[in-house]
C-alpha cells in the first residue's frame, strides 16, 4: 500500500501528471482496474486552483474509455471482451449486468459510473447487448463527472483529511449503488 501511495504522489508531482491521469481514467473505464481517484485527489492536493480542470480531464478521459469499452463489447466481445472478463474473473457479474442493462441501461450505467463498483462490467455488457448508445453515453457522462467532481471537491476543501472522508463516502456510495441495483433488479423481476 505504501508503494502505491508513493507511486501516486510521485506521479501527481511530475511534469506528466495529466498524462498519467488520462491514461488511468481511460483504461479504468474499459480494460484496467486501477482507478484514477487517488491520483486525481493527489493532484488537487498539490494544486487546489486546478481542481475543475483536473475533474474535466479525468471525467473526459473516463467517458472516452467507456465509449472504447462499449465498442469492445459490441464488436470485439468474442475475442477481447471475453478475455477481459476472464482476466478479472467477472463472469458471474457479467451475466447479472447484462440482464440489468437490457432492462434499464440508463439507471444501471449511471449507478455503476458513480460508484466504486468496477465500471467496465457495465460498459462491456452495454456494448455486448448493443444497448441504446445515447442512454449509455448520457448516463456515463453524468455518473463519471459527478464521481470525479466529488473526489476533486473533497480533496480541494478538506485537503489531507480528504482521504478519510473519501473512504467514508466510497463506502456509502458502494452501499447506495448496491441498493439501487438491487431495487432495479427487484422492480424488473416483479413488474
Protein backbone atom coordinates (compact mmCIF):
# COMPACT_ATOMS: atom_id res chain seq x y z
CA UNK A 1 0.00 0.00 0.00
CA UNK A 2 2.84 2.35 0.84
CA UNK A 3 4.46 1.69 -2.55
CA UNK A 4 1.19 2.51 -4.32
CA UNK A 5 0.85 5.74 -2.32
CA UNK A 6 4.45 6.72 -3.10
CA UNK A 7 3.91 5.99 -6.80
CA UNK A 8 0.74 8.13 -6.86
CA UNK A 9 2.45 11.02 -5.07
CA UNK A 10 5.42 10.80 -7.41
CA UNK A 11 3.17 10.83 -10.50
CA UNK A 12 0.98 13.64 -9.11
CA UNK A 13 4.03 15.87 -8.66
CA UNK A 14 5.58 15.06 -12.05
CA UNK A 15 5.55 17.06 -15.27
CA UNK A 16 3.49 14.26 -16.85
CA UNK A 17 0.80 14.09 -14.15
CA UNK A 18 -2.02 14.97 -16.53
CA UNK A 19 -0.91 12.29 -18.98
CA UNK A 20 -0.97 9.70 -16.19
CA UNK A 21 -4.41 10.95 -15.17
CA UNK A 22 -5.70 10.50 -18.73
CA UNK A 23 -4.16 7.01 -19.02
CA UNK A 24 -5.60 5.79 -15.72
CA UNK A 25 -9.01 7.35 -16.38
CA UNK A 26 -9.30 5.93 -19.90
CA UNK A 27 -8.13 2.43 -19.04
CA UNK A 28 -10.13 2.11 -15.81
CA UNK A 29 -13.38 2.50 -17.74
CA UNK A 30 -12.57 -0.15 -20.29
CA UNK A 31 -9.71 -2.56 -19.66
CA UNK A 32 -7.79 -1.93 -16.43
CA UNK A 33 -8.55 -1.97 -12.71
CA UNK A 34 -6.59 0.94 -11.22
CA UNK A 35 -8.98 3.83 -10.55
CA UNK A 36 -7.77 7.39 -11.18
CA UNK A 37 -9.36 8.74 -7.98
CA UNK A 38 -6.21 8.68 -5.79
CA UNK A 39 -4.13 10.39 -8.47
CA UNK A 40 -6.84 13.00 -9.04
CA UNK A 41 -7.02 13.70 -5.30
CA UNK A 42 -3.23 13.93 -5.01
CA UNK A 43 -3.06 16.36 -7.93
CA UNK A 44 -5.76 18.53 -6.37
CA UNK A 45 -3.89 18.47 -3.02
CA UNK A 46 -0.86 19.87 -4.82
CA UNK A 47 -2.73 22.49 -6.85
CA UNK A 48 -6.18 23.32 -5.48
CA UNK A 49 -6.82 26.06 -8.07
CA UNK A 50 -6.89 23.50 -10.88
CA UNK A 51 -9.42 21.14 -9.33
CA UNK A 52 -12.07 21.78 -12.02
CA UNK A 53 -9.54 21.29 -14.83
CA UNK A 54 -8.41 18.00 -13.32
CA UNK A 55 -12.04 16.91 -12.91
CA UNK A 56 -12.77 17.60 -16.58
CA UNK A 57 -9.61 15.77 -17.69
CA UNK A 58 -10.43 12.74 -15.54
CA UNK A 59 -14.09 12.53 -16.46
CA UNK A 60 -13.48 13.22 -20.15
CA UNK A 61 -10.85 10.50 -20.45
CA UNK A 62 -13.05 8.13 -18.47
CA UNK A 63 -16.01 8.75 -20.79
CA UNK A 64 -13.74 8.18 -23.81
CA UNK A 65 -12.58 4.92 -22.22
CA UNK A 66 -16.19 3.89 -21.66
CA UNK A 67 -17.00 4.51 -25.32
CA UNK A 68 -13.97 2.41 -26.23
CA UNK A 69 -15.18 -0.33 -23.87
CA UNK A 70 -18.66 -0.17 -25.42
CA UNK A 71 -17.08 -0.75 -28.83
CA UNK A 72 -15.10 -3.70 -27.43
CA UNK A 73 -18.35 -5.15 -26.08
CA UNK A 74 -20.29 -4.51 -29.28
CA UNK A 75 -17.71 -5.53 -31.88
CA UNK A 76 -14.88 -7.42 -30.20
CA UNK A 77 -16.68 -9.21 -27.36
CA UNK A 78 -15.90 -12.73 -28.62
CA UNK A 79 -12.16 -12.02 -28.80
CA UNK A 80 -11.15 -9.15 -26.50
CA UNK A 81 -14.21 -8.80 -24.25
CA UNK A 82 -14.24 -12.40 -23.08
CA UNK A 83 -10.51 -12.22 -22.28
CA UNK A 84 -11.06 -9.14 -20.11
CA UNK A 85 -13.94 -10.82 -18.28
CA UNK A 86 -11.77 -13.91 -17.66
CA UNK A 87 -8.73 -11.92 -16.53
CA UNK A 88 -10.75 -10.17 -13.81
CA UNK A 89 -12.98 -13.19 -13.02
CA UNK A 90 -16.14 -11.20 -13.74
CA UNK A 91 -18.15 -13.94 -15.48
CA UNK A 92 -20.90 -14.07 -12.84
CA UNK A 93 -21.10 -10.28 -12.61
CA UNK A 94 -21.29 -10.03 -16.39
CA UNK A 95 -24.37 -12.26 -16.53
CA UNK A 96 -26.20 -10.13 -13.97
CA UNK A 97 -25.01 -6.89 -15.56
CA UNK A 98 -26.23 -7.99 -18.99
CA UNK A 99 -29.71 -8.64 -17.59
CA UNK A 100 -29.79 -5.25 -15.87
CA UNK A 101 -28.54 -3.40 -18.94
CA UNK A 102 -31.23 -4.99 -21.09
CA UNK A 103 -33.92 -3.84 -18.66
CA UNK A 104 -32.65 -0.34 -17.89
CA UNK A 105 -29.38 0.79 -19.41
CA UNK A 106 -29.60 4.40 -18.17
CA UNK A 107 -30.18 3.72 -14.45
CA UNK A 108 -27.73 0.83 -14.34
CA UNK A 109 -24.98 2.72 -16.17
CA UNK A 110 -25.48 5.89 -14.13
CA UNK A 111 -25.26 3.92 -10.89
CA UNK A 112 -22.19 1.98 -11.97
CA UNK A 113 -20.49 5.13 -13.33
CA UNK A 114 -20.75 6.87 -9.97
CA UNK A 115 -19.99 4.07 -7.52
CA UNK A 116 -16.63 2.38 -6.98
CA UNK A 117 -18.05 -0.90 -8.32
CA UNK A 118 -15.98 -1.91 -11.43
CA UNK A 119 -17.46 0.19 -14.23
CA UNK A 120 -16.06 -1.95 -17.02
CA UNK A 121 -18.73 -4.58 -16.26
CA UNK A 122 -21.48 -2.09 -17.18
CA UNK A 123 -19.51 -0.83 -20.16
CA UNK A 124 -18.79 -4.23 -21.69
CA UNK A 125 -22.31 -5.53 -21.02
CA UNK A 126 -23.85 -2.41 -22.59
CA UNK A 127 -21.75 -2.96 -25.69
CA UNK A 128 -22.38 -6.69 -25.76
CA UNK A 129 -26.16 -6.21 -25.62
CA UNK A 130 -25.90 -3.28 -28.05
CA UNK A 131 -27.90 -1.22 -25.57
CA UNK A 132 -29.14 2.24 -26.54
CA UNK A 133 -25.87 4.11 -27.02
CA UNK A 134 -27.26 7.58 -26.26
CA UNK A 135 -28.76 6.43 -22.94
CA UNK A 136 -25.48 4.71 -22.11
CA UNK A 137 -23.44 7.78 -23.12
CA UNK A 138 -25.55 10.32 -21.19
CA UNK A 139 -25.54 8.13 -18.06
CA UNK A 140 -21.77 7.67 -18.37
CA UNK A 141 -21.16 11.40 -18.69
CA UNK A 142 -23.42 12.18 -15.73
CA UNK A 143 -22.06 9.47 -13.46
CA UNK A 144 -18.40 9.97 -14.24
CA UNK A 145 -18.50 13.78 -13.95
CA UNK A 146 -20.43 13.53 -10.66
CA UNK A 147 -17.99 11.00 -9.25
CA UNK A 148 -14.81 12.87 -10.15
CA UNK A 149 -16.29 16.24 -9.23
CA UNK A 150 -16.96 14.84 -5.75
CA UNK A 151 -13.44 13.41 -5.44
CA UNK A 152 -11.78 16.66 -6.55
CA UNK A 153 -14.07 18.85 -4.45
CA UNK A 154 -13.44 16.85 -1.27
CA UNK A 155 -9.68 16.91 -1.97
CA UNK A 156 -9.83 20.68 -2.52
CA UNK A 157 -11.92 21.54 0.53
CA UNK A 158 -10.62 19.05 3.08
CA UNK A 159 -7.02 18.62 1.95
CA UNK A 160 -5.16 15.92 3.86
CA UNK A 161 -8.32 14.96 5.79
CA UNK A 162 -9.97 14.31 2.43
CA UNK A 163 -8.62 10.76 2.33
CA UNK A 164 -10.52 9.77 5.48
CA UNK A 165 -13.68 11.49 4.25
CA UNK A 166 -13.32 9.91 0.82
CA UNK A 167 -13.15 6.41 2.30
CA UNK A 168 -16.41 7.05 4.14
CA UNK A 169 -18.02 8.45 1.00
CA UNK A 170 -16.94 5.43 -1.07
CA UNK A 171 -18.38 3.01 1.46
CA UNK A 172 -21.64 4.96 1.34
CA UNK A 173 -21.53 5.18 -2.48
CA UNK A 174 -20.89 1.43 -2.77
CA UNK A 175 -23.77 0.65 -0.43
CA UNK A 176 -26.05 3.10 -2.26
CA UNK A 177 -25.06 1.57 -5.60
CA UNK A 178 -25.79 -1.94 -4.38
CA UNK A 179 -29.17 -0.80 -3.05
CA UNK A 180 -30.08 0.92 -6.33
CA UNK A 181 -29.04 -2.11 -8.38
CA UNK A 182 -30.98 -4.40 -6.04
CA UNK A 183 -34.06 -2.15 -6.24
CA UNK A 184 -33.87 -2.03 -10.05
CA UNK A 185 -33.44 -5.80 -10.20
CA UNK A 186 -36.44 -6.37 -7.93
CA UNK A 187 -38.53 -3.93 -9.92
CA UNK A 188 -37.58 -5.62 -13.19
CA UNK A 189 -38.42 -9.09 -11.94
CA UNK A 190 -41.56 -8.18 -10.00
CA UNK A 191 -43.17 -5.88 -12.56
